[in-house]
């Protein structure tokens, strides 16, 4: 009886370990990652305004059809990067993602930022240079440190009315993203 219970307990523990290992390895085994979807959307060096998600159409980035989106791909190998611009008064958010699709940093205009988006993104080496005052950056820059060099930034706007969507997409297209001149 005790021997049977030990075998059952061992089977349950081994099954649990296998289950956890499979669940944790699934993102790495995925044929398409968030980075691949962003690259397919055409995100280049400047901001790419994404088309609105339509009902019944594929939505690989899982976009909310009520929001407008812009994506900037960032490469920190050539220096620190920034995403700057003036956005409308209504709700907006910005998030920095790693190549794997993990959120590195996220904020909204509800944090007291207002309408000005002025985000600086640095890798650890660049942050060290910044701390040693060897990099000259604009005052008021919101500093984000990322452990990876390949990143993408997503800016989301919430138009209060569907008729304002085109104006909000124009505001997103006016964003500047790229390497900071130091």
N, C-alpha and C. Protein backbone atom coordinates (compact mmCIF):
# COMPACT_ATOMS: atom_id res chain seq x y z
N UNK A 1 0.82 -1.19 0.00
CA UNK A 1 0.00 0.00 0.00
C UNK A 1 0.87 1.26 0.00
N UNK A 2 1.83 1.32 0.90
CA UNK A 2 2.72 2.49 0.97
C UNK A 2 3.54 2.60 -0.31
N UNK A 3 3.96 1.44 -0.80
CA UNK A 3 4.75 1.43 -2.03
C UNK A 3 3.93 1.98 -3.21
N UNK A 4 2.69 1.64 -3.29
CA UNK A 4 1.81 2.12 -4.35
C UNK A 4 1.62 3.64 -4.24
N UNK A 5 1.43 4.11 -3.02
CA UNK A 5 1.27 5.55 -2.81
C UNK A 5 2.54 6.32 -3.20
N UNK A 6 3.71 5.75 -2.90
CA UNK A 6 4.97 6.40 -3.29
C UNK A 6 5.10 6.46 -4.81
N UNK A 7 4.71 5.40 -5.51
CA UNK A 7 4.75 5.39 -6.98
C UNK A 7 3.78 6.43 -7.53
N UNK A 8 2.60 6.53 -6.96
CA UNK A 8 1.63 7.53 -7.40
C UNK A 8 2.14 8.95 -7.14
N UNK A 9 2.70 9.18 -5.98
CA UNK A 9 3.26 10.48 -5.64
C UNK A 9 4.40 10.83 -6.60
N UNK A 10 5.28 9.87 -6.87
CA UNK A 10 6.38 10.09 -7.81
C UNK A 10 5.86 10.42 -9.21
N UNK A 11 4.81 9.72 -9.65
CA UNK A 11 4.22 9.99 -10.96
C UNK A 11 3.61 11.38 -11.04
N UNK A 12 2.94 11.80 -9.98
CA UNK A 12 2.34 13.13 -9.94
C UNK A 12 3.43 14.21 -9.97
N UNK A 13 4.48 14.03 -9.18
CA UNK A 13 5.57 15.01 -9.15
C UNK A 13 6.26 15.08 -10.52
N UNK A 14 6.56 13.94 -11.11
CA UNK A 14 7.20 13.91 -12.42
C UNK A 14 6.29 14.53 -13.48
N UNK A 15 5.01 14.23 -13.44
CA UNK A 15 4.06 14.83 -14.36
C UNK A 15 3.99 16.34 -14.20
N UNK A 16 4.04 16.82 -12.96
CA UNK A 16 4.05 18.26 -12.69
C UNK A 16 5.29 18.93 -13.25
N UNK A 17 6.44 18.31 -13.09
CA UNK A 17 7.69 18.86 -13.61
C UNK A 17 7.65 18.93 -15.13
N UNK A 18 7.18 17.88 -15.77
CA UNK A 18 7.09 17.86 -17.24
C UNK A 18 6.10 18.93 -17.71
N UNK A 19 4.98 19.04 -17.03
CA UNK A 19 3.97 20.03 -17.39
C UNK A 19 4.55 21.44 -17.32
N UNK A 20 5.22 21.78 -16.25
CA UNK A 20 5.81 23.11 -16.08
C UNK A 20 6.88 23.37 -17.13
N UNK A 21 7.72 22.36 -17.40
CA UNK A 21 8.78 22.53 -18.42
C UNK A 21 8.18 22.80 -19.79
N UNK A 22 7.12 22.10 -20.15
CA UNK A 22 6.48 22.31 -21.45
C UNK A 22 5.86 23.71 -21.52
N UNK A 23 5.15 24.12 -20.50
CA UNK A 23 4.51 25.44 -20.48
C UNK A 23 5.55 26.55 -20.59
N UNK A 24 6.66 26.43 -19.88
CA UNK A 24 7.69 27.47 -19.92
C UNK A 24 8.47 27.49 -21.22
N UNK A 25 8.53 26.38 -21.93
CA UNK A 25 9.29 26.34 -23.18
C UNK A 25 8.46 26.71 -24.40
N UNK A 26 7.13 26.76 -24.29
CA UNK A 26 6.28 27.06 -25.43
C UNK A 26 6.58 28.40 -26.11
N UNK A 27 6.78 29.51 -25.38
CA UNK A 27 7.08 30.76 -26.09
C UNK A 27 8.36 30.68 -26.93
N UNK A 28 9.37 29.98 -26.45
CA UNK A 28 10.61 29.86 -27.21
C UNK A 28 10.43 28.98 -28.44
N UNK A 29 9.50 28.07 -28.41
CA UNK A 29 9.27 27.16 -29.52
C UNK A 29 8.27 27.70 -30.54
N UNK A 30 7.68 28.85 -30.26
CA UNK A 30 6.68 29.42 -31.15
C UNK A 30 7.29 29.75 -32.51
N UNK A 31 6.56 29.46 -33.56
CA UNK A 31 7.05 29.72 -34.92
C UNK A 31 7.12 31.22 -35.21
N UNK A 32 6.22 32.00 -34.63
CA UNK A 32 6.24 33.44 -34.82
C UNK A 32 6.16 34.13 -33.47
N UNK A 33 7.06 35.08 -33.27
CA UNK A 33 7.09 35.82 -32.02
C UNK A 33 6.48 37.20 -32.23
N UNK A 34 6.36 37.94 -31.15
CA UNK A 34 5.86 39.31 -31.26
C UNK A 34 6.77 40.13 -32.17
N UNK A 35 8.07 39.89 -32.10
CA UNK A 35 9.04 40.59 -32.94
C UNK A 35 8.75 40.31 -34.42
N UNK A 36 8.46 39.07 -34.75
CA UNK A 36 8.15 38.70 -36.14
C UNK A 36 6.88 39.41 -36.62
N UNK A 37 5.88 39.49 -35.76
CA UNK A 37 4.63 40.16 -36.14
C UNK A 37 4.86 41.65 -36.36
N UNK A 38 5.68 42.27 -35.50
CA UNK A 38 5.98 43.70 -35.66
C UNK A 38 6.77 43.91 -36.95
N UNK A 39 7.73 43.04 -37.24
CA UNK A 39 8.51 43.15 -38.48
C UNK A 39 7.60 42.99 -39.69
N UNK A 40 6.65 42.08 -39.62
CA UNK A 40 5.72 41.87 -40.73
C UNK A 40 4.81 43.07 -40.94
N UNK A 41 4.56 43.83 -39.86
CA UNK A 41 3.72 45.02 -39.97
C UNK A 41 4.46 46.15 -40.67
N UNK A 42 5.77 45.97 -40.89
CA UNK A 42 6.55 46.95 -41.61
C UNK A 42 7.21 47.99 -40.73
N UNK A 43 7.29 47.74 -39.45
CA UNK A 43 7.90 48.70 -38.55
C UNK A 43 9.38 48.87 -38.90
N UNK A 44 9.74 50.05 -39.34
CA UNK A 44 11.12 50.35 -39.72
C UNK A 44 11.73 51.30 -38.72
N UNK A 45 12.64 52.17 -39.19
CA UNK A 45 13.34 53.05 -38.28
C UNK A 45 12.44 54.13 -37.66
N UNK A 46 11.43 54.60 -38.37
CA UNK A 46 10.53 55.60 -37.82
C UNK A 46 9.28 54.94 -37.27
N UNK A 47 8.30 55.75 -36.85
CA UNK A 47 7.07 55.14 -36.34
C UNK A 47 6.25 54.53 -37.48
N UNK A 48 5.67 53.39 -37.24
CA UNK A 48 4.76 52.75 -38.17
C UNK A 48 3.38 52.74 -37.53
N UNK A 49 2.44 53.43 -38.15
CA UNK A 49 1.07 53.45 -37.64
C UNK A 49 0.41 52.18 -38.14
N UNK A 50 -0.11 51.39 -37.22
CA UNK A 50 -0.73 50.11 -37.57
C UNK A 50 -2.17 50.30 -38.01
N UNK A 51 -2.58 49.50 -38.96
CA UNK A 51 -3.96 49.53 -39.43
C UNK A 51 -4.89 49.07 -38.32
N UNK A 52 -6.08 49.62 -38.31
CA UNK A 52 -7.06 49.24 -37.29
C UNK A 52 -7.45 47.78 -37.44
N UNK A 53 -7.66 47.13 -36.32
CA UNK A 53 -8.12 45.74 -36.32
C UNK A 53 -9.58 45.72 -36.77
N UNK A 54 -9.87 44.85 -37.73
CA UNK A 54 -11.24 44.75 -38.25
C UNK A 54 -11.86 43.44 -37.80
N UNK A 55 -13.16 43.48 -37.55
CA UNK A 55 -13.88 42.27 -37.12
C UNK A 55 -13.79 41.21 -38.20
N UNK A 56 -13.52 39.98 -37.79
CA UNK A 56 -13.45 38.86 -38.70
C UNK A 56 -12.14 38.72 -39.44
N UNK A 57 -11.21 39.65 -39.24
CA UNK A 57 -9.91 39.60 -39.90
C UNK A 57 -8.85 39.10 -38.91
N UNK A 58 -7.76 38.51 -39.42
CA UNK A 58 -6.69 38.07 -38.52
C UNK A 58 -6.15 39.26 -37.70
N UNK A 59 -5.85 39.00 -36.46
CA UNK A 59 -5.35 40.04 -35.56
C UNK A 59 -4.19 39.45 -34.75
N UNK A 60 -3.04 39.16 -35.40
CA UNK A 60 -1.95 38.47 -34.72
C UNK A 60 -1.34 39.27 -33.57
N UNK A 61 -1.43 40.60 -33.62
CA UNK A 61 -0.89 41.42 -32.52
C UNK A 61 -1.92 41.67 -31.42
N UNK A 62 -3.12 41.12 -31.60
CA UNK A 62 -4.21 41.25 -30.62
C UNK A 62 -4.51 42.72 -30.31
N UNK A 63 -4.66 43.50 -31.36
CA UNK A 63 -4.93 44.93 -31.21
C UNK A 63 -6.38 45.16 -30.80
N UNK A 64 -6.58 46.14 -29.94
CA UNK A 64 -7.92 46.56 -29.56
C UNK A 64 -8.45 47.45 -30.68
N UNK A 65 -9.60 47.12 -31.29
CA UNK A 65 -10.09 47.92 -32.41
C UNK A 65 -10.47 49.35 -32.04
N UNK A 66 -10.62 49.63 -30.77
CA UNK A 66 -10.98 50.98 -30.33
C UNK A 66 -9.77 51.91 -30.21
N UNK A 67 -8.56 51.36 -30.26
CA UNK A 67 -7.34 52.16 -30.08
C UNK A 67 -6.60 52.31 -31.40
N UNK A 68 -5.76 53.34 -31.47
CA UNK A 68 -4.84 53.50 -32.59
C UNK A 68 -3.44 53.22 -32.07
N UNK A 69 -2.60 52.63 -32.92
CA UNK A 69 -1.29 52.17 -32.49
C UNK A 69 -0.19 52.65 -33.42
N UNK A 70 0.97 52.92 -32.84
CA UNK A 70 2.19 53.14 -33.61
C UNK A 70 3.28 52.30 -32.97
N UNK A 71 4.17 51.77 -33.82
CA UNK A 71 5.26 50.93 -33.35
C UNK A 71 6.58 51.49 -33.87
N UNK A 72 7.58 51.53 -33.00
CA UNK A 72 8.94 51.91 -33.39
C UNK A 72 9.86 50.77 -33.01
N UNK A 73 10.64 50.30 -33.96
CA UNK A 73 11.68 49.32 -33.65
C UNK A 73 12.94 50.07 -33.26
N UNK A 74 13.59 49.61 -32.20
CA UNK A 74 14.75 50.29 -31.64
C UNK A 74 15.93 49.33 -31.61
N UNK A 75 17.10 49.83 -31.98
CA UNK A 75 18.35 49.08 -31.88
C UNK A 75 19.33 49.93 -31.08
N UNK A 76 19.63 49.50 -29.87
CA UNK A 76 20.50 50.27 -28.98
C UNK A 76 21.98 50.08 -29.27
N UNK A 77 22.34 49.22 -30.23
CA UNK A 77 23.75 49.01 -30.54
C UNK A 77 24.40 50.28 -31.10
N UNK A 78 23.61 51.10 -31.79
CA UNK A 78 24.15 52.31 -32.40
C UNK A 78 24.01 53.53 -31.48
N UNK A 79 23.58 53.33 -30.26
CA UNK A 79 23.45 54.42 -29.29
C UNK A 79 22.10 54.40 -28.63
N UNK A 80 21.94 55.24 -27.59
CA UNK A 80 20.65 55.31 -26.91
C UNK A 80 19.58 55.83 -27.87
N UNK A 81 18.35 55.47 -27.61
CA UNK A 81 17.24 55.84 -28.49
C UNK A 81 16.23 56.69 -27.75
N UNK A 82 15.40 57.36 -28.53
CA UNK A 82 14.33 58.15 -27.92
C UNK A 82 13.06 58.02 -28.75
N UNK A 83 11.95 58.23 -28.08
CA UNK A 83 10.64 58.34 -28.72
C UNK A 83 10.04 59.62 -28.17
N UNK A 84 9.81 60.58 -29.06
CA UNK A 84 9.32 61.89 -28.62
C UNK A 84 8.17 62.34 -29.51
N UNK A 85 7.36 63.21 -28.94
CA UNK A 85 6.27 63.80 -29.71
C UNK A 85 5.22 64.38 -28.78
N UNK A 86 4.27 65.06 -29.37
CA UNK A 86 3.14 65.61 -28.63
C UNK A 86 1.91 64.82 -29.02
N UNK A 87 1.21 64.36 -28.01
CA UNK A 87 0.04 63.51 -28.23
C UNK A 87 -1.22 64.23 -27.75
N UNK A 88 -2.40 63.81 -28.23
CA UNK A 88 -3.65 64.45 -27.82
C UNK A 88 -3.91 64.33 -26.31
N UNK A 89 -4.85 65.13 -25.84
CA UNK A 89 -5.19 65.17 -24.41
C UNK A 89 -5.82 63.88 -23.90
N UNK A 90 -6.49 63.13 -24.76
CA UNK A 90 -7.18 61.93 -24.29
C UNK A 90 -6.16 60.87 -23.88
N UNK A 91 -6.67 59.75 -23.39
CA UNK A 91 -5.80 58.69 -22.87
C UNK A 91 -4.82 58.18 -23.91
N UNK A 92 -3.57 58.01 -23.49
CA UNK A 92 -2.55 57.33 -24.29
C UNK A 92 -1.63 56.56 -23.36
N UNK A 93 -0.97 55.56 -23.93
CA UNK A 93 0.00 54.79 -23.16
C UNK A 93 1.18 54.45 -24.06
N UNK A 94 2.30 54.18 -23.44
CA UNK A 94 3.50 53.78 -24.17
C UNK A 94 4.11 52.60 -23.42
N UNK A 95 4.59 51.62 -24.19
CA UNK A 95 5.23 50.45 -23.59
C UNK A 95 6.46 50.09 -24.41
N UNK A 96 7.52 49.71 -23.72
CA UNK A 96 8.75 49.24 -24.35
C UNK A 96 8.79 47.73 -24.17
N UNK A 97 8.98 47.00 -25.28
CA UNK A 97 8.99 45.55 -25.26
C UNK A 97 10.35 45.02 -25.70
N UNK A 98 10.74 43.89 -25.13
CA UNK A 98 11.94 43.20 -25.58
C UNK A 98 11.61 42.43 -26.85
N UNK A 99 12.63 41.87 -27.47
CA UNK A 99 12.43 41.10 -28.69
C UNK A 99 11.49 39.92 -28.46
N UNK A 100 11.50 39.37 -27.24
CA UNK A 100 10.64 38.24 -26.91
C UNK A 100 9.20 38.66 -26.62
N UNK A 101 8.93 39.96 -26.58
CA UNK A 101 7.57 40.43 -26.32
C UNK A 101 7.30 40.70 -24.85
N UNK A 102 8.33 40.70 -24.03
CA UNK A 102 8.19 40.99 -22.61
C UNK A 102 8.22 42.49 -22.38
N UNK A 103 7.34 42.99 -21.54
CA UNK A 103 7.29 44.42 -21.25
C UNK A 103 8.51 44.80 -20.41
N UNK A 104 9.27 45.77 -20.91
CA UNK A 104 10.44 46.31 -20.19
C UNK A 104 10.01 47.51 -19.36
N UNK A 105 9.12 48.33 -19.93
CA UNK A 105 8.65 49.55 -19.25
C UNK A 105 7.29 49.92 -19.84
N UNK A 106 6.44 50.50 -19.02
CA UNK A 106 5.14 50.95 -19.50
C UNK A 106 4.67 52.11 -18.64
N UNK A 107 4.02 53.08 -19.28
CA UNK A 107 3.44 54.20 -18.55
C UNK A 107 2.27 54.76 -19.35
N UNK A 108 1.50 55.62 -18.72
CA UNK A 108 0.38 56.29 -19.39
C UNK A 108 0.46 57.78 -19.11
N UNK A 109 -0.35 58.57 -19.81
CA UNK A 109 -0.38 60.00 -19.53
C UNK A 109 -1.08 60.28 -18.20
N UNK A 110 -1.69 59.29 -17.61
CA UNK A 110 -2.32 59.44 -16.30
C UNK A 110 -1.28 59.55 -15.18
N UNK A 111 -0.02 59.29 -15.50
CA UNK A 111 1.07 59.41 -14.52
C UNK A 111 1.56 60.84 -14.39
N UNK A 112 0.84 61.80 -14.94
CA UNK A 112 1.20 63.20 -14.81
C UNK A 112 2.15 63.68 -15.91
N UNK A 113 2.28 62.92 -16.97
CA UNK A 113 3.18 63.29 -18.06
C UNK A 113 2.55 64.36 -18.94
N UNK A 114 1.22 64.37 -19.04
CA UNK A 114 0.54 65.34 -19.88
C UNK A 114 0.49 64.89 -21.33
N UNK A 115 0.74 65.81 -22.26
CA UNK A 115 0.65 65.48 -23.68
C UNK A 115 2.02 65.23 -24.30
N UNK A 116 3.09 65.56 -23.59
CA UNK A 116 4.44 65.40 -24.15
C UNK A 116 5.00 64.02 -23.83
N UNK A 117 5.37 63.32 -24.89
CA UNK A 117 6.05 62.03 -24.73
C UNK A 117 7.53 62.29 -25.01
N UNK A 118 8.37 62.04 -24.04
CA UNK A 118 9.81 62.26 -24.18
C UNK A 118 10.52 61.13 -23.45
N UNK A 119 10.69 60.03 -24.16
CA UNK A 119 11.20 58.78 -23.58
C UNK A 119 12.60 58.49 -24.13
N UNK A 120 13.55 58.24 -23.25
CA UNK A 120 14.89 57.85 -23.64
C UNK A 120 15.14 56.41 -23.22
N UNK A 121 15.69 55.61 -24.12
CA UNK A 121 15.89 54.19 -23.85
C UNK A 121 17.39 53.89 -23.94
N UNK A 122 17.93 53.27 -22.91
CA UNK A 122 19.36 53.03 -22.79
C UNK A 122 19.61 51.58 -22.42
N UNK A 123 20.74 51.02 -22.87
CA UNK A 123 21.16 49.72 -22.38
C UNK A 123 22.03 49.96 -21.14
N UNK A 124 22.43 48.93 -20.40
CA UNK A 124 23.18 49.15 -19.15
C UNK A 124 24.48 49.95 -19.35
N UNK A 125 25.21 49.71 -20.42
CA UNK A 125 26.44 50.46 -20.67
C UNK A 125 26.18 51.93 -20.90
N UNK A 126 25.13 52.22 -21.65
CA UNK A 126 24.77 53.62 -21.92
C UNK A 126 24.25 54.31 -20.66
N UNK A 127 23.55 53.56 -19.82
CA UNK A 127 23.08 54.13 -18.55
C UNK A 127 24.26 54.48 -17.66
N UNK A 128 25.28 53.63 -17.67
CA UNK A 128 26.49 53.91 -16.89
C UNK A 128 27.15 55.19 -17.39
N UNK A 129 27.25 55.36 -18.72
CA UNK A 129 27.81 56.59 -19.28
C UNK A 129 26.96 57.80 -18.91
N UNK A 130 25.67 57.61 -18.88
CA UNK A 130 24.76 58.68 -18.50
C UNK A 130 25.00 59.08 -17.04
N UNK A 131 25.15 58.09 -16.17
CA UNK A 131 25.40 58.37 -14.75
C UNK A 131 26.74 59.08 -14.55
N UNK A 132 27.71 58.77 -15.39
CA UNK A 132 29.02 59.43 -15.31
C UNK A 132 29.03 60.76 -16.06
N UNK A 133 27.87 61.17 -16.54
CA UNK A 133 27.68 62.43 -17.27
C UNK A 133 28.56 62.51 -18.52
N UNK A 134 28.72 61.37 -19.19
CA UNK A 134 29.48 61.33 -20.44
C UNK A 134 28.55 61.38 -21.65
N UNK A 135 27.24 61.36 -21.40
CA UNK A 135 26.25 61.52 -22.46
C UNK A 135 25.49 62.80 -22.19
N UNK A 136 25.27 63.58 -23.22
CA UNK A 136 24.52 64.83 -23.10
C UNK A 136 23.12 64.60 -23.63
N UNK A 137 22.13 64.68 -22.75
CA UNK A 137 20.74 64.45 -23.15
C UNK A 137 19.89 65.64 -22.73
N UNK A 138 18.74 65.76 -23.34
CA UNK A 138 17.82 66.85 -23.02
C UNK A 138 17.26 66.67 -21.61
N UNK A 139 17.05 67.79 -20.95
CA UNK A 139 16.48 67.75 -19.62
C UNK A 139 15.03 67.33 -19.69
N UNK A 140 14.57 66.56 -18.72
CA UNK A 140 13.19 66.12 -18.68
C UNK A 140 12.94 64.81 -19.40
N UNK A 141 13.99 64.20 -19.93
CA UNK A 141 13.86 62.93 -20.64
C UNK A 141 13.55 61.83 -19.64
N UNK A 142 12.50 61.07 -19.88
CA UNK A 142 12.14 59.93 -19.05
C UNK A 142 13.07 58.78 -19.43
N UNK A 143 13.90 58.32 -18.51
CA UNK A 143 14.94 57.34 -18.82
C UNK A 143 14.47 55.93 -18.50
N UNK A 144 14.64 55.06 -19.49
CA UNK A 144 14.29 53.64 -19.35
C UNK A 144 15.54 52.84 -19.66
N UNK A 145 15.87 51.88 -18.79
CA UNK A 145 17.01 50.99 -19.05
C UNK A 145 16.50 49.63 -19.48
N UNK A 146 17.06 49.13 -20.57
CA UNK A 146 16.69 47.83 -21.10
C UNK A 146 17.93 46.95 -21.15
N UNK A 147 17.78 45.71 -20.79
CA UNK A 147 18.92 44.78 -20.79
C UNK A 147 19.28 44.31 -22.19
N UNK A 148 18.33 44.40 -23.13
CA UNK A 148 18.57 43.96 -24.51
C UNK A 148 18.72 45.15 -25.43
N UNK A 149 19.31 44.92 -26.61
CA UNK A 149 19.50 45.98 -27.58
C UNK A 149 18.38 46.05 -28.61
N UNK A 150 17.72 44.93 -28.89
CA UNK A 150 16.61 44.90 -29.85
C UNK A 150 15.30 45.07 -29.10
N UNK A 151 14.61 46.18 -29.36
CA UNK A 151 13.38 46.50 -28.65
C UNK A 151 12.35 47.04 -29.62
N UNK A 152 11.12 47.08 -29.20
CA UNK A 152 10.11 47.84 -29.93
C UNK A 152 9.24 48.58 -28.93
N UNK A 153 8.82 49.77 -29.35
CA UNK A 153 8.01 50.65 -28.52
C UNK A 153 6.64 50.75 -29.16
N UNK A 154 5.61 50.57 -28.35
CA UNK A 154 4.23 50.68 -28.82
C UNK A 154 3.57 51.86 -28.13
N UNK A 155 3.03 52.78 -28.93
CA UNK A 155 2.28 53.92 -28.40
C UNK A 155 0.83 53.71 -28.79
N UNK A 156 -0.07 53.80 -27.78
CA UNK A 156 -1.50 53.58 -28.01
C UNK A 156 -2.26 54.86 -27.69
N UNK A 157 -3.18 55.21 -28.55
CA UNK A 157 -4.07 56.35 -28.31
C UNK A 157 -5.51 55.86 -28.30
N UNK A 158 -6.32 56.51 -27.51
CA UNK A 158 -7.74 56.15 -27.42
C UNK A 158 -8.58 57.32 -27.93
N UNK A 159 -8.93 57.31 -29.22
CA UNK A 159 -9.79 58.39 -29.73
C UNK A 159 -11.16 58.33 -29.06
N UNK A 160 -11.67 59.48 -28.61
CA UNK A 160 -12.97 59.47 -27.94
C UNK A 160 -14.13 59.16 -28.89
N UNK A 161 -13.94 59.42 -30.19
CA UNK A 161 -14.97 59.16 -31.19
C UNK A 161 -14.31 58.55 -32.43
N UNK A 162 -14.98 57.64 -33.12
CA UNK A 162 -14.41 57.03 -34.33
C UNK A 162 -14.01 58.07 -35.39
N UNK A 163 -14.72 59.19 -35.45
CA UNK A 163 -14.43 60.23 -36.44
C UNK A 163 -13.05 60.86 -36.21
N UNK A 164 -12.51 60.74 -35.01
CA UNK A 164 -11.22 61.35 -34.68
C UNK A 164 -10.05 60.41 -34.95
N UNK A 165 -10.32 59.21 -35.39
CA UNK A 165 -9.27 58.21 -35.61
C UNK A 165 -8.18 58.71 -36.56
N UNK A 166 -8.55 59.31 -37.67
CA UNK A 166 -7.57 59.79 -38.64
C UNK A 166 -6.66 60.86 -38.03
N UNK A 167 -7.23 61.75 -37.23
CA UNK A 167 -6.42 62.78 -36.57
C UNK A 167 -5.44 62.16 -35.57
N UNK A 168 -5.88 61.14 -34.87
CA UNK A 168 -5.02 60.48 -33.90
C UNK A 168 -3.91 59.69 -34.61
N UNK A 169 -4.25 59.07 -35.74
CA UNK A 169 -3.22 58.36 -36.51
C UNK A 169 -2.19 59.34 -37.05
N UNK A 170 -2.62 60.54 -37.41
CA UNK A 170 -1.68 61.57 -37.87
C UNK A 170 -0.74 61.99 -36.73
N UNK A 171 -1.28 62.10 -35.52
CA UNK A 171 -0.44 62.43 -34.36
C UNK A 171 0.60 61.33 -34.13
N UNK A 172 0.19 60.08 -34.28
CA UNK A 172 1.13 58.97 -34.10
C UNK A 172 2.20 58.98 -35.20
N UNK A 173 1.81 59.31 -36.42
CA UNK A 173 2.78 59.37 -37.52
C UNK A 173 3.79 60.48 -37.30
N UNK A 174 3.44 61.49 -36.51
CA UNK A 174 4.34 62.60 -36.22
C UNK A 174 5.35 62.33 -35.12
N UNK A 175 5.27 61.19 -34.48
CA UNK A 175 6.25 60.83 -33.46
C UNK A 175 7.63 60.72 -34.07
N UNK A 176 8.64 61.00 -33.28
CA UNK A 176 10.02 60.81 -33.73
C UNK A 176 10.63 59.72 -32.88
N UNK A 177 11.16 58.70 -33.54
CA UNK A 177 11.84 57.65 -32.79
C UNK A 177 13.12 57.30 -33.52
N UNK A 178 14.16 57.12 -32.76
CA UNK A 178 15.46 56.80 -33.33
C UNK A 178 16.56 57.04 -32.33
N UNK A 179 17.77 57.08 -32.82
CA UNK A 179 18.95 57.23 -31.97
C UNK A 179 19.08 58.68 -31.48
N UNK A 180 19.45 58.83 -30.22
CA UNK A 180 19.69 60.16 -29.64
C UNK A 180 21.05 60.65 -30.11
N UNK A 181 21.10 61.88 -30.57
CA UNK A 181 22.39 62.48 -30.92
C UNK A 181 23.08 62.92 -29.64
N UNK A 182 24.20 62.27 -29.32
CA UNK A 182 24.92 62.61 -28.08
C UNK A 182 26.21 63.33 -28.37
